[in-house]
C-alpha atoms as a PDB file:
ATOM      1  CA  MET A   1     -22.522 -39.825 143.645  1.00  0.00           C
ATOM      2  CA  ASN A   2     -24.535 -36.943 142.188  1.00  0.00           C
ATOM      3  CA  THR A   3     -20.874 -35.521 141.387  1.00  0.00           C
ATOM      4  CA  ARG A   4     -21.298 -38.840 139.159  1.00  0.00           C
ATOM      5  CA  ARG A   5     -24.550 -39.159 138.810  1.00  0.00           C
ATOM      6  CA  CYS A   6     -24.498 -35.520 136.976  1.00  0.00           C
ATOM      7  CA  LEU A   7     -20.932 -36.319 134.924  1.00  0.00           C
ATOM      8  CA  LEU A   8     -22.471 -39.630 133.448  1.00  0.00           C
ATOM      9  CA  ALA A   9     -25.288 -37.273 132.385  1.00  0.00           C
ATOM     10  CA  ALA A  10     -23.681 -34.552 131.359  1.00  0.00           C
ATOM     11  CA  LEU A  11     -21.425 -37.305 128.592  1.00  0.00           C
ATOM     12  CA  GLY A  12     -24.657 -39.090 127.820  1.00  0.00           C
ATOM     13  CA  ALA A  13     -26.161 -35.110 126.858  1.00  0.00           C
ATOM     14  CA  LEU A  14     -23.078 -35.099 124.694  1.00  0.00           C
ATOM     15  CA  VAL A  15     -24.122 -38.446 122.782  1.00  0.00           C
ATOM     16  CA  LEU A  16     -27.070 -37.724 122.002  1.00  0.00           C
ATOM     17  CA  ALA A  17     -25.974 -34.203 120.269  1.00  0.00           C
ATOM     18  CA  GLY A  18     -23.602 -35.227 117.762  1.00  0.00           C
ATOM     19  CA  PRO A  19     -25.888 -36.497 115.411  1.00  0.00           C
ATOM     20  CA  VAL A  20     -29.157 -34.939 115.839  1.00  0.00           C
ATOM     21  CA  GLY A  21     -26.679 -31.757 115.636  1.00  0.00           C
ATOM     22  CA  ALA A  22     -25.748 -33.046 112.193  1.00  0.00           C
ATOM     23  CA  GLN A  23     -29.259 -33.319 111.072  1.00  0.00           C
ATOM     24  CA  GLU A  24     -29.733 -29.843 112.070  1.00  0.00           C
ATOM     25  CA  PHE A  25     -28.277 -28.725 108.917  1.00  0.00           C
ATOM     26  CA  PRO A  26     -29.037 -25.840 108.158  1.00  0.00           C
ATOM     27  CA  ALA A  27     -28.558 -24.382 111.869  1.00  0.00           C
ATOM     28  CA  ARG A  28     -27.897 -21.033 110.363  1.00  0.00           C
ATOM     29  CA  PRO A  29     -28.667 -19.354 106.592  1.00  0.00           C
ATOM     30  CA  VAL A  30     -26.479 -20.673 104.078  1.00  0.00           C
ATOM     31  CA  LYS A  31     -24.585 -18.046 101.627  1.00  0.00           C
ATOM     32  CA  LEU A  32     -25.053 -18.502  97.989  1.00  0.00           C
ATOM     33  CA  VAL A  33     -22.214 -16.629  95.958  1.00  0.00           C
ATOM     34  CA  VAL A  34     -22.717 -15.625  92.770  1.00  0.00           C
ATOM     35  CA  PRO A  35     -19.456 -15.114  90.940  1.00  0.00           C
ATOM     36  CA  PHE A  36     -21.313 -11.958  88.420  1.00  0.00           C
ATOM     37  CA  GLY A  37     -22.407  -8.680  89.332  1.00  0.00           C
ATOM     38  CA  ALA A  38     -26.015  -7.900  90.263  1.00  0.00           C
ATOM     39  CA  GLY A  39     -28.987  -7.663  88.003  1.00  0.00           C
ATOM     40  CA  THR A  40     -26.574 -10.782  85.298  1.00  0.00           C
ATOM     41  CA  THR A  41     -28.598 -13.232  84.203  1.00  0.00           C
ATOM     42  CA  THR A  42     -26.822 -15.867  86.866  1.00  0.00           C
ATOM     43  CA  ASP A  43     -27.527 -13.008  89.455  1.00  0.00           C
ATOM     44  CA  ILE A  44     -31.838 -13.161  88.623  1.00  0.00           C
ATOM     45  CA  VAL A  45     -31.342 -17.459  88.215  1.00  0.00           C
ATOM     46  CA  ALA A  46     -29.990 -17.488  91.930  1.00  0.00           C
ATOM     47  CA  ARG A  47     -31.542 -15.731  93.429  1.00  0.00           C
ATOM     48  CA  VAL A  48     -34.921 -17.283  92.010  1.00  0.00           C
ATOM     49  CA  PHE A  49     -33.284 -20.230  93.967  1.00  0.00           C
ATOM     50  CA  ALA A  50     -32.206 -18.461  96.839  1.00  0.00           C
ATOM     51  CA  GLU A  51     -36.111 -17.598  98.124  1.00  0.00           C
ATOM     52  CA  ALA A  52     -36.907 -20.537  96.833  1.00  0.00           C
ATOM     53  CA  MET A  53     -34.778 -22.926  98.629  1.00  0.00           C
ATOM     54  CA  ALA A  54     -35.750 -20.997 102.040  1.00  0.00           C
ATOM     55  CA  ARG A  55     -38.664 -22.523 103.002  1.00  0.00           C
ATOM     56  CA  PRO A  56     -37.510 -26.008 102.175  1.00  0.00           C
ATOM     57  CA  LEU A  57     -34.675 -25.131 104.058  1.00  0.00           C
ATOM     58  CA  GLY A  58     -35.540 -23.558 106.802  1.00  0.00           C
ATOM     59  CA  GLN A  59     -32.955 -20.675 107.165  1.00  0.00           C
ATOM     60  CA  PRO A  60     -32.568 -17.819 104.469  1.00  0.00           C
ATOM     61  CA  VAL A  61     -30.515 -18.589 101.377  1.00  0.00           C
ATOM     62  CA  VAL A  62     -28.180 -15.318 101.002  1.00  0.00           C
ATOM     63  CA  VAL A  63     -26.344 -14.079  97.690  1.00  0.00           C
ATOM     64  CA  GLU A  64     -23.666 -12.914  97.870  1.00  0.00           C
ATOM     65  CA  ASN A  65     -22.109 -10.999  94.470  1.00  0.00           C
ATOM     66  CA  ARG A  66     -18.351 -11.768  94.068  1.00  0.00           C
ATOM     67  CA  ALA A  67     -17.966 -10.574  90.760  1.00  0.00           C
ATOM     68  CA  GLY A  68     -14.509 -10.607  88.907  1.00  0.00           C
ATOM     69  CA  ALA A  69     -11.965 -12.639  86.432  1.00  0.00           C
ATOM     70  CA  GLY A  70     -14.718 -13.902  84.408  1.00  0.00           C
ATOM     71  CA  GLY A  71     -16.469 -15.366  88.119  1.00  0.00           C
ATOM     72  CA  ASN A  72     -13.258 -17.340  88.925  1.00  0.00           C
ATOM     73  CA  ILE A  73     -13.374 -14.735  92.401  1.00  0.00           C
ATOM     74  CA  GLY A  74     -16.367 -15.982  93.506  1.00  0.00           C
ATOM     75  CA  ALA A  75     -16.239 -19.722  92.483  1.00  0.00           C
ATOM     76  CA  ASP A  76     -12.845 -20.090  94.105  1.00  0.00           C
ATOM     77  CA  GLN A  77     -13.884 -18.310  97.441  1.00  0.00           C
ATOM     78  CA  VAL A  78     -16.389 -21.437  97.460  1.00  0.00           C
ATOM     79  CA  ALA A  79     -13.943 -23.948  96.165  1.00  0.00           C
ATOM     80  CA  LYS A  80     -11.660 -22.747  99.790  1.00  0.00           C
ATOM     81  CA  ALA A  81     -14.744 -22.091 101.967  1.00  0.00           C
ATOM     82  CA  PRO A  82     -15.124 -25.176 104.793  1.00  0.00           C
ATOM     83  CA  ALA A  83     -16.913 -27.984 103.537  1.00  0.00           C
ATOM     84  CA  ASP A  84     -19.721 -27.512 105.618  1.00  0.00           C
ATOM     85  CA  GLY A  85     -23.301 -26.618 103.352  1.00  0.00           C
ATOM     86  CA  TYR A  86     -22.753 -23.266 104.304  1.00  0.00           C
ATOM     87  CA  THR A  87     -21.329 -21.600 101.373  1.00  0.00           C
ATOM     88  CA  ILE A  88     -22.452 -22.604  98.183  1.00  0.00           C
ATOM     89  CA  VAL A  89     -22.056 -21.151  93.932  1.00  0.00           C
ATOM     90  CA  MET A  90     -23.930 -20.652  91.026  1.00  0.00           C
ATOM     91  CA  GLY A  91     -21.689 -22.079  88.631  1.00  0.00           C
ATOM     92  CA  THR A  92     -22.024 -21.376  85.208  1.00  0.00           C
ATOM     93  CA  VAL A  93     -20.977 -22.565  81.929  1.00  0.00           C
ATOM     94  CA  GLY A  94     -18.282 -20.151  82.035  1.00  0.00           C
ATOM     95  CA  THR A  95     -16.832 -20.908  85.547  1.00  0.00           C
ATOM     96  CA  HIS A  96     -16.725 -24.563  85.005  1.00  0.00           C
ATOM     97  CA  ALA A  97     -16.626 -25.320  81.563  1.00  0.00           C
ATOM     98  CA  ILE A  98     -15.106 -22.530  79.472  1.00  0.00           C
ATOM     99  CA  ASN A  99     -12.380 -20.758  82.356  1.00  0.00           C
ATOM    100  CA  PRO A 100     -10.222 -23.581  82.345  1.00  0.00           C
ATOM    101  CA  GLY A 101      -9.343 -23.233  78.980  1.00  0.00           C
ATOM    102  CA  LEU A 102      -9.351 -20.006  78.391  1.00  0.00           C
ATOM    103  CA  TYR A 103      -7.198 -18.978  81.785  1.00  0.00           C
ATOM    104  CA  ARG A 104      -3.767 -19.531  81.376  1.00  0.00           C
ATOM    105  CA  ARG A 105      -3.639 -19.811  85.358  1.00  0.00           C
ATOM    106  CA  MET A 106      -6.992 -21.276  87.754  1.00  0.00           C
ATOM    107  CA  PRO A 107      -7.309 -21.168  90.804  1.00  0.00           C
ATOM    108  CA  TYR A 108      -9.313 -24.034  91.546  1.00  0.00           C
ATOM    109  CA  ASP A 109     -10.371 -26.815  89.818  1.00  0.00           C
ATOM    110  CA  ALA A 110     -13.546 -27.287  87.968  1.00  0.00           C
ATOM    111  CA  LEU A 111     -13.826 -30.896  88.490  1.00  0.00           C
ATOM    112  CA  LYS A 112     -12.604 -31.990  91.349  1.00  0.00           C
ATOM    113  CA  ASP A 113     -13.197 -29.141  93.662  1.00  0.00           C
ATOM    114  CA  PHE A 114     -16.748 -29.072  93.858  1.00  0.00           C
ATOM    115  CA  ALA A 115     -19.642 -31.499  94.617  1.00  0.00           C
ATOM    116  CA  PRO A 116     -22.738 -30.648  92.702  1.00  0.00           C
ATOM    117  CA  ILE A 117     -25.603 -29.934  94.431  1.00  0.00           C
ATOM    118  CA  GLY A 118     -28.696 -29.377  91.336  1.00  0.00           C
ATOM    119  CA  PHE A 119     -29.050 -28.757  87.496  1.00  0.00           C
ATOM    120  CA  ALA A 120     -30.487 -24.885  87.540  1.00  0.00           C
ATOM    121  CA  GLY A 121     -31.361 -24.547  83.744  1.00  0.00           C
ATOM    122  CA  TYR A 122     -29.999 -24.274  80.291  1.00  0.00           C
ATOM    123  CA  THR A 123     -30.092 -22.372  78.062  1.00  0.00           C
ATOM    124  CA  PRO A 124     -29.601 -21.964  74.495  1.00  0.00           C
ATOM    125  CA  THR A 125     -28.676 -18.447  72.608  1.00  0.00           C
ATOM    126  CA  LEU A 126     -30.137 -17.442  69.983  1.00  0.00           C
ATOM    127  CA  LEU A 127     -28.412 -15.872  65.850  1.00  0.00           C
ATOM    128  CA  VAL A 128     -30.142 -12.695  65.786  1.00  0.00           C
ATOM    129  CA  VAL A 129     -29.691 -10.066  63.319  1.00  0.00           C
ATOM    130  CA  ALA A 130     -30.753  -6.075  62.752  1.00  0.00           C
ATOM    131  CA  ALA A 131     -34.535  -6.534  61.754  1.00  0.00           C
ATOM    132  CA  GLN A 132     -33.090  -4.865  58.674  1.00  0.00           C
ATOM    133  CA  SER A 133     -30.850  -7.126  57.839  1.00  0.00           C
ATOM    134  CA  PRO A 134     -30.561  -7.860  54.547  1.00  0.00           C
ATOM    135  CA  ILE A 135     -29.554 -11.474  55.953  1.00  0.00           C
ATOM    136  CA  LYS A 136     -32.548 -13.962  56.455  1.00  0.00           C
ATOM    137  CA  SER A 137     -30.822 -17.469  57.070  1.00  0.00           C
ATOM    138  CA  LEU A 138     -27.694 -18.940  58.027  1.00  0.00           C
ATOM    139  CA  GLN A 139     -27.546 -19.708  54.172  1.00  0.00           C
ATOM    140  CA  ASP A 140     -27.178 -16.286  53.502  1.00  0.00           C
ATOM    141  CA  LEU A 141     -24.948 -15.933  56.192  1.00  0.00           C
ATOM    142  CA  LYS A 142     -22.769 -18.209  54.993  1.00  0.00           C
ATOM    143  CA  ALA A 143     -23.145 -16.754  51.411  1.00  0.00           C
ATOM    144  CA  LEU A 144     -22.191 -13.233  52.174  1.00  0.00           C
ATOM    145  CA  ALA A 145     -19.338 -14.517  54.486  1.00  0.00           C
ATOM    146  CA  ALA A 146     -17.440 -15.468  51.741  1.00  0.00           C
ATOM    147  CA  ARG A 147     -17.054 -11.845  50.434  1.00  0.00           C
ATOM    148  CA  PRO A 148     -14.100 -10.626  52.863  1.00  0.00           C
ATOM    149  CA  GLY A 149     -14.402  -8.198  55.445  1.00  0.00           C
ATOM    150  CA  ALA A 150     -18.359  -8.817  54.500  1.00  0.00           C
ATOM    151  CA  VAL A 151     -18.888 -10.673  58.108  1.00  0.00           C
ATOM    152  CA  SER A 152     -18.750  -9.284  61.803  1.00  0.00           C
ATOM    153  CA  PHE A 153     -20.300 -11.002  64.496  1.00  0.00           C
ATOM    154  CA  ALA A 154     -20.417  -9.616  68.297  1.00  0.00           C
ATOM    155  CA  SER A 155     -19.465 -10.777  71.833  1.00  0.00           C
ATOM    156  CA  ALA A 156     -20.137  -9.797  75.276  1.00  0.00           C
ATOM    157  CA  GLY A 157     -15.818 -10.499  75.129  1.00  0.00           C
ATOM    158  CA  ASN A 158     -13.434 -12.834  74.554  1.00  0.00           C
ATOM    159  CA  GLY A 159     -13.864 -16.162  75.379  1.00  0.00           C
ATOM    160  CA  THR A 160     -17.644 -16.008  76.156  1.00  0.00           C
ATOM    161  CA  SER A 161     -20.060 -18.340  75.257  1.00  0.00           C
ATOM    162  CA  GLY A 162     -21.430 -15.770  72.082  1.00  0.00           C
ATOM    163  CA  HIS A 163     -17.724 -15.534  71.140  1.00  0.00           C
ATOM    164  CA  LEU A 164     -17.298 -19.687  70.650  1.00  0.00           C
ATOM    165  CA  ALA A 165     -20.367 -19.739  69.559  1.00  0.00           C
ATOM    166  CA  GLY A 166     -20.147 -17.861  66.075  1.00  0.00           C
ATOM    167  CA  GLU A 167     -16.665 -18.895  65.945  1.00  0.00           C
ATOM    168  CA  LEU A 168     -18.204 -22.547  65.859  1.00  0.00           C
ATOM    169  CA  LEU A 169     -20.395 -21.670  63.072  1.00  0.00           C
ATOM    170  CA  LYS A 170     -17.658 -19.990  61.183  1.00  0.00           C
ATOM    171  CA  ALA A 171     -16.027 -23.265  61.355  1.00  0.00           C
ATOM    172  CA  ARG A 172     -19.265 -25.006  59.990  1.00  0.00           C
ATOM    173  CA  LEU A 173     -20.450 -22.385  57.425  1.00  0.00           C
ATOM    174  CA  GLY A 174     -16.793 -21.941  56.134  1.00  0.00           C
ATOM    175  CA  GLY A 175     -16.347 -18.170  55.188  1.00  0.00           C
ATOM    176  CA  GLU A 176     -14.761 -15.105  57.040  1.00  0.00           C
ATOM    177  CA  MET A 177     -16.487 -13.785  60.262  1.00  0.00           C
ATOM    178  CA  THR A 178     -14.689 -11.290  62.406  1.00  0.00           C
ATOM    179  CA  HIS A 179     -15.197 -11.007  65.905  1.00  0.00           C
ATOM    180  CA  VAL A 180     -15.545  -8.189  67.781  1.00  0.00           C
ATOM    181  CA  PRO A 181     -15.915  -8.167  71.606  1.00  0.00           C
ATOM    182  CA  TYR A 182     -17.801  -5.543  73.925  1.00  0.00           C
ATOM    183  CA  LYS A 183     -17.433  -5.252  77.532  1.00  0.00           C
ATOM    184  CA  GLU A 184     -20.771  -6.015  78.179  1.00  0.00           C
ATOM    185  CA  GLY A 185     -23.237  -7.878  75.658  1.00  0.00           C
ATOM    186  CA  GLY A 186     -25.988  -4.786  76.175  1.00  0.00           C
ATOM    187  CA  GLN A 187     -23.761  -2.693  74.330  1.00  0.00           C
ATOM    188  CA  ALA A 188     -22.746  -5.022  71.977  1.00  0.00           C
ATOM    189  CA  LEU A 189     -26.819  -6.541  71.045  1.00  0.00           C
ATOM    190  CA  THR A 190     -26.741  -2.364  70.431  1.00  0.00           C
ATOM    191  CA  ASP A 191     -24.777  -2.407  67.528  1.00  0.00           C
ATOM    192  CA  VAL A 192     -26.162  -5.493  66.175  1.00  0.00           C
ATOM    193  CA  MET A 193     -29.567  -3.655  65.618  1.00  0.00           C
ATOM    194  CA  GLY A 194     -27.923  -0.651  64.656  1.00  0.00           C
ATOM    195  CA  GLY A 195     -26.223  -2.618  61.638  1.00  0.00           C
ATOM    196  CA  GLN A 196     -22.873  -1.881  62.594  1.00  0.00           C
ATOM    197  CA  VAL A 197     -22.007  -5.339  63.356  1.00  0.00           C
ATOM    198  CA  GLN A 198     -23.986  -8.277  61.504  1.00  0.00           C
ATOM    199  CA  PHE A 199     -24.695 -10.860  64.336  1.00  0.00           C
ATOM    200  CA  MET A 200     -24.201 -12.561  67.853  1.00  0.00           C
ATOM    201  CA  PHE A 201     -25.679 -14.913  69.123  1.00  0.00           C
ATOM    202  CA  TYR A 202     -27.412 -14.150  72.779  1.00  0.00           C
ATOM    203  CA  HIS A 203     -29.198 -14.816  75.450  1.00  0.00           C
ATOM    204  CA  PRO A 204     -33.463 -15.154  75.664  1.00  0.00           C
ATOM    205  CA  ALA A 205     -34.424 -13.276  77.483  1.00  0.00           C
ATOM    206  CA  ALA A 206     -32.658 -10.581  76.110  1.00  0.00           C
ATOM    207  CA  VAL A 207     -32.634 -10.869  72.927  1.00  0.00           C
ATOM    208  CA  LEU A 208     -36.815 -11.360  72.142  1.00  0.00           C
ATOM    209  CA  PRO A 209     -38.651  -8.730  74.107  1.00  0.00           C
ATOM    210  CA  GLN A 210     -36.462  -7.038  70.427  1.00  0.00           C
ATOM    211  CA  VAL A 211     -37.374  -9.243  68.295  1.00  0.00           C
ATOM    212  CA  LYS A 212     -41.003  -9.230  69.311  1.00  0.00           C
ATOM    213  CA  ALA A 213     -40.932  -4.955  69.264  1.00  0.00           C
ATOM    214  CA  GLY A 214     -39.788  -5.351  65.237  1.00  0.00           C
ATOM    215  CA  LYS A 215     -35.533  -4.465  66.167  1.00  0.00           C
ATOM    216  CA  LEU A 216     -33.727  -8.088  65.667  1.00  0.00           C
ATOM    217  CA  ARG A 217     -34.648 -11.004  63.899  1.00  0.00           C
ATOM    218  CA  ALA A 218     -33.629 -14.401  65.532  1.00  0.00           C
ATOM    219  CA  LEU A 219     -31.876 -17.015  62.861  1.00  0.00           C
ATOM    220  CA  ALA A 220     -31.403 -19.745  64.816  1.00  0.00           C
ATOM    221  CA  VAL A 221     -30.980 -20.992  67.756  1.00  0.00           C
ATOM    222  CA  SER A 222     -27.262 -22.837  69.483  1.00  0.00           C
ATOM    223  CA  SER A 223     -28.828 -26.047  70.942  1.00  0.00           C
ATOM    224  CA  SER A 224     -29.355 -28.997  69.615  1.00  0.00           C
ATOM    225  CA  LYS A 225     -33.379 -29.061  69.742  1.00  0.00           C
ATOM    226  CA  ARG A 226     -35.683 -25.782  69.228  1.00  0.00           C
ATOM    227  CA  SER A 227     -35.617 -23.392  72.109  1.00  0.00           C
ATOM    228  CA  ALA A 228     -38.784 -24.097  74.589  1.00  0.00           C
ATOM    229  CA  ALA A 229     -38.852 -19.618  74.858  1.00  0.00           C
ATOM    230  CA  ALA A 230     -39.075 -19.635  71.066  1.00  0.00           C
ATOM    231  CA  PRO A 231     -40.223 -23.314  69.143  1.00  0.00           C
ATOM    232  CA  GLU A 232     -40.874 -21.359  65.886  1.00  0.00           C
ATOM    233  CA  VAL A 233     -37.391 -20.545  65.129  1.00  0.00           C
ATOM    234  CA  PRO A 234     -35.223 -23.506  64.479  1.00  0.00           C
ATOM    235  CA  THR A 235     -31.586 -24.772  64.692  1.00  0.00           C
ATOM    236  CA  VAL A 236     -28.428 -24.428  63.254  1.00  0.00           C
ATOM    237  CA  ALA A 237     -28.277 -28.146  62.668  1.00  0.00           C
ATOM    238  CA  GLU A 238     -31.599 -27.776  60.843  1.00  0.00           C
ATOM    239  CA  GLN A 239     -30.129 -25.998  58.607  1.00  0.00           C
ATOM    240  CA  GLY A 240     -27.443 -28.014  57.430  1.00  0.00           C
ATOM    241  CA  GLY A 241     -24.870 -26.057  60.398  1.00  0.00           C
ATOM    242  CA  GLY A 242     -23.820 -29.675  61.357  1.00  0.00           C
ATOM    243  CA  ASP A 243     -23.390 -31.007  64.853  1.00  0.00           C
ATOM    244  CA  PHE A 244     -24.061 -27.834  66.888  1.00  0.00           C
ATOM    245  CA  ASP A 245     -24.839 -27.797  70.330  1.00  0.00           C
ATOM    246  CA  LEU A 246     -24.300 -25.143  72.515  1.00  0.00           C
ATOM    247  CA  VAL A 247     -25.942 -24.189  75.627  1.00  0.00           C
ATOM    248  CA  ALA A 248     -25.003 -21.567  78.991  1.00  0.00           C
ATOM    249  CA  TRP A 249     -26.361 -23.400  82.078  1.00  0.00           C
ATOM    250  CA  PHE A 250     -26.277 -22.829  85.327  1.00  0.00           C
ATOM    251  CA  MET A 251     -25.062 -24.965  88.369  1.00  0.00           C
ATOM    252  CA  LEU A 252     -25.808 -25.281  92.147  1.00  0.00           C
ATOM    253  CA  TYR A 253     -22.198 -26.653  93.703  1.00  0.00           C
ATOM    254  CA  ALA A 254     -20.971 -26.966  97.698  1.00  0.00           C
ATOM    255  CA  PRO A 255     -16.981 -27.942  97.830  1.00  0.00           C
ATOM    256  CA  ALA A 256     -15.619 -30.920  97.073  1.00  0.00           C
ATOM    257  CA  ALA A 257     -15.633 -32.558 100.462  1.00  0.00           C
ATOM    258  CA  THR A 258     -19.156 -31.705 101.765  1.00  0.00           C
ATOM    259  CA  PRO A 259     -20.533 -34.409 103.784  1.00  0.00           C
ATOM    260  CA  ALA A 260     -23.082 -36.305 102.094  1.00  0.00           C
ATOM    261  CA  PRO A 261     -25.283 -35.661 104.613  1.00  0.00           C
ATOM    262  CA  VAL A 262     -25.111 -31.646 104.008  1.00  0.00           C
ATOM    263  CA  LEU A 263     -25.334 -32.692  99.674  1.00  0.00           C
ATOM    264  CA  ALA A 264     -28.667 -34.516 100.279  1.00  0.00           C
ATOM    265  CA  ARG A 265     -30.775 -32.113 102.479  1.00  0.00           C
ATOM    266  CA  LEU A 266     -29.243 -29.157  99.813  1.00  0.00           C
ATOM    267  CA  ARG A 267     -30.471 -31.351  97.296  1.00  0.00           C
ATOM    268  CA  ASP A 268     -33.619 -31.856  98.557  1.00  0.00           C
ATOM    269  CA  ALA A 269     -33.675 -28.484  98.603  1.00  0.00           C
ATOM    270  CA  VAL A 270     -33.408 -27.807  94.688  1.00  0.00           C
ATOM    271  CA  ALA A 271     -35.182 -30.798  94.074  1.00  0.00           C
ATOM    272  CA  GLN A 272     -38.353 -28.736  96.210  1.00  0.00           C
ATOM    273  CA  ALA A 273     -37.207 -25.142  94.447  1.00  0.00           C
ATOM    274  CA  VAL A 274     -37.612 -26.750  90.656  1.00  0.00           C
ATOM    275  CA  ALA A 275     -41.123 -27.865  91.786  1.00  0.00           C
ATOM    276  CA  ASN A 276     -42.197 -24.244  92.949  1.00  0.00           C
ATOM    277  CA  PRO A 277     -45.202 -22.998  90.607  1.00  0.00           C
ATOM    278  CA  GLU A 278     -43.889 -19.564  91.172  1.00  0.00           C
ATOM    279  CA  ALA A 279     -40.216 -20.511  90.822  1.00  0.00           C
ATOM    280  CA  LYS A 280     -40.615 -21.972  87.477  1.00  0.00           C
ATOM    281  CA  ALA A 281     -42.644 -19.874  86.326  1.00  0.00           C
ATOM    282  CA  LYS A 282     -39.799 -16.936  86.988  1.00  0.00           C
ATOM    283  CA  LEU A 283     -36.699 -19.018  85.497  1.00  0.00           C
ATOM    284  CA  ALA A 284     -38.902 -19.970  82.410  1.00  0.00           C
ATOM    285  CA  ALA A 285     -39.271 -16.188  81.982  1.00  0.00           C
ATOM    286  CA  GLN A 286     -35.495 -16.702  81.458  1.00  0.00           C
ATOM    287  CA  GLY A 287     -35.281 -19.003  78.603  1.00  0.00           C
ATOM    288  CA  LEU A 288     -34.302 -21.086  80.950  1.00  0.00           C
ATOM    289  CA  GLU A 289     -35.095 -24.835  80.943  1.00  0.00           C
ATOM    290  CA  ILE A 290     -34.970 -27.282  83.999  1.00  0.00           C
ATOM    291  CA  PRO A 291     -33.687 -30.971  83.309  1.00  0.00           C
ATOM    292  CA  VAL A 292     -33.541 -33.697  86.480  1.00  0.00           C
ATOM    293  CA  LEU A 293     -30.217 -34.483  86.637  1.00  0.00           C
ATOM    294  CA  LYS A 294     -28.642 -37.296  88.980  1.00  0.00           C
ATOM    295  CA  PRO A 295     -25.215 -36.565  91.043  1.00  0.00           C
ATOM    296  CA  ASP A 296     -23.669 -38.785  89.134  1.00  0.00           C
ATOM    297  CA  GLU A 297     -24.878 -37.608  86.221  1.00  0.00           C
ATOM    298  CA  MET A 298     -24.190 -33.717  86.815  1.00  0.00           C
ATOM    299  CA  ALA A 299     -20.854 -34.576  87.794  1.00  0.00           C
ATOM    300  CA  ALA A 300     -20.882 -36.164  84.068  1.00  0.00           C
ATOM    301  CA  PHE A 301     -22.204 -33.925  82.539  1.00  0.00           C
ATOM    302  CA  GLY A 302     -19.311 -30.997  84.096  1.00  0.00           C
ATOM    303  CA  LYS A 303     -17.020 -33.354  82.193  1.00  0.00           C
ATOM    304  CA  VAL A 304     -18.151 -33.390  79.032  1.00  0.00           C
ATOM    305  CA  GLU A 305     -19.171 -29.824  79.034  1.00  0.00           C
ATOM    306  CA  LEU A 306     -15.406 -29.400  80.011  1.00  0.00           C
ATOM    307  CA  ALA A 307     -14.056 -30.842  77.130  1.00  0.00           C
ATOM    308  CA  LYS A 308     -15.817 -29.520  74.522  1.00  0.00           C
ATOM    309  CA  TRP A 309     -15.744 -25.568  75.901  1.00  0.00           C
ATOM    310  CA  SER A 310     -12.242 -26.219  75.988  1.00  0.00           C
ATOM    311  CA  GLU A 311     -11.522 -27.297  72.482  1.00  0.00           C
ATOM    312  CA  LEU A 312     -13.731 -24.736  71.332  1.00  0.00           C
ATOM    313  CA  VAL A 313     -11.643 -22.237  73.422  1.00  0.00           C
ATOM    314  CA  ARG A 314      -7.728 -24.279  71.981  1.00  0.00           C
ATOM    315  CA  ARG A 315      -9.813 -23.719  68.064  1.00  0.00           C
ATOM    316  CA  SER A 316     -10.354 -19.875  68.840  1.00  0.00           C
ATOM    317  CA  GLY A 317      -7.203 -19.113  70.413  1.00  0.00           C
ATOM    318  CA  ALA A 318      -8.727 -16.747  73.035  1.00  0.00           C
ATOM    319  CA  GLN A 319      -6.943 -17.030  76.077  1.00  0.00           C
ATOM    320  CA  VAL A 320      -6.338 -14.481  79.498  1.00  0.00           C
ATOM    321  CA  ASP A 321      -3.500 -14.674  81.460  1.00  0.00           C
END
């Protein structure tokens, strides 16, 4: 009888442990994969969220940089990770909207292989020229582009958001504009300041210090409304550039099959991170704006962005084997 009581007690403990254990996520640190190198904007944003999410989760959120293939390597690692909530990724407009149209072979499906956790923010890019440039408006740029070989624009590489923004501007304004890709944005920005290329679209956090230092002039913002980081800069649309709304964005994702209770726990942690005053200040310093989106709204946003950027890639002719 004693043996029977012990077995029943053990069985009861196991039954009770099941649901309790499921509610205890996370029971160990969560890994946040950054699909780009340390020091990039994506890395900075991810580290702000990692720190701010740790408290509501009650566990450390450890950042792991897995750069390569335009972010595809890190994103794919998470797409194929166990769907238990312990491996998530800081996705971007590149990994989840541009790359599917840019790469001939994608290792993951940007829509089907991920479950959105939380919108981490977006930032429009600023169209900048050298401070000494005679180009002082989009109309000046349009007039100069009418002269063959007179206008070139820089980007951080083929298929980047800066490249595609330049291609869309060329389509909107007309004329001739030659794309000059660089291996990284810092060098491209240096050559814009030096006048080797006429303009580029780039993140506010990188260009605004140079604008304030008198080395660059900001002509336009790439979003449909003015940027909170530079409210004095008009949009492309305001200056006759037509329908123009391109932003760089960041979103946290988990593997698609992650259980709903685990997703709910992660989403709550993101919501608390976004409400954290210290985190908000750090994100604002990067020029980020953070709309509050529900899970279905995040999914719908992803579909729209994927279609929009894929069309831009097709128009540009950019392709990566």
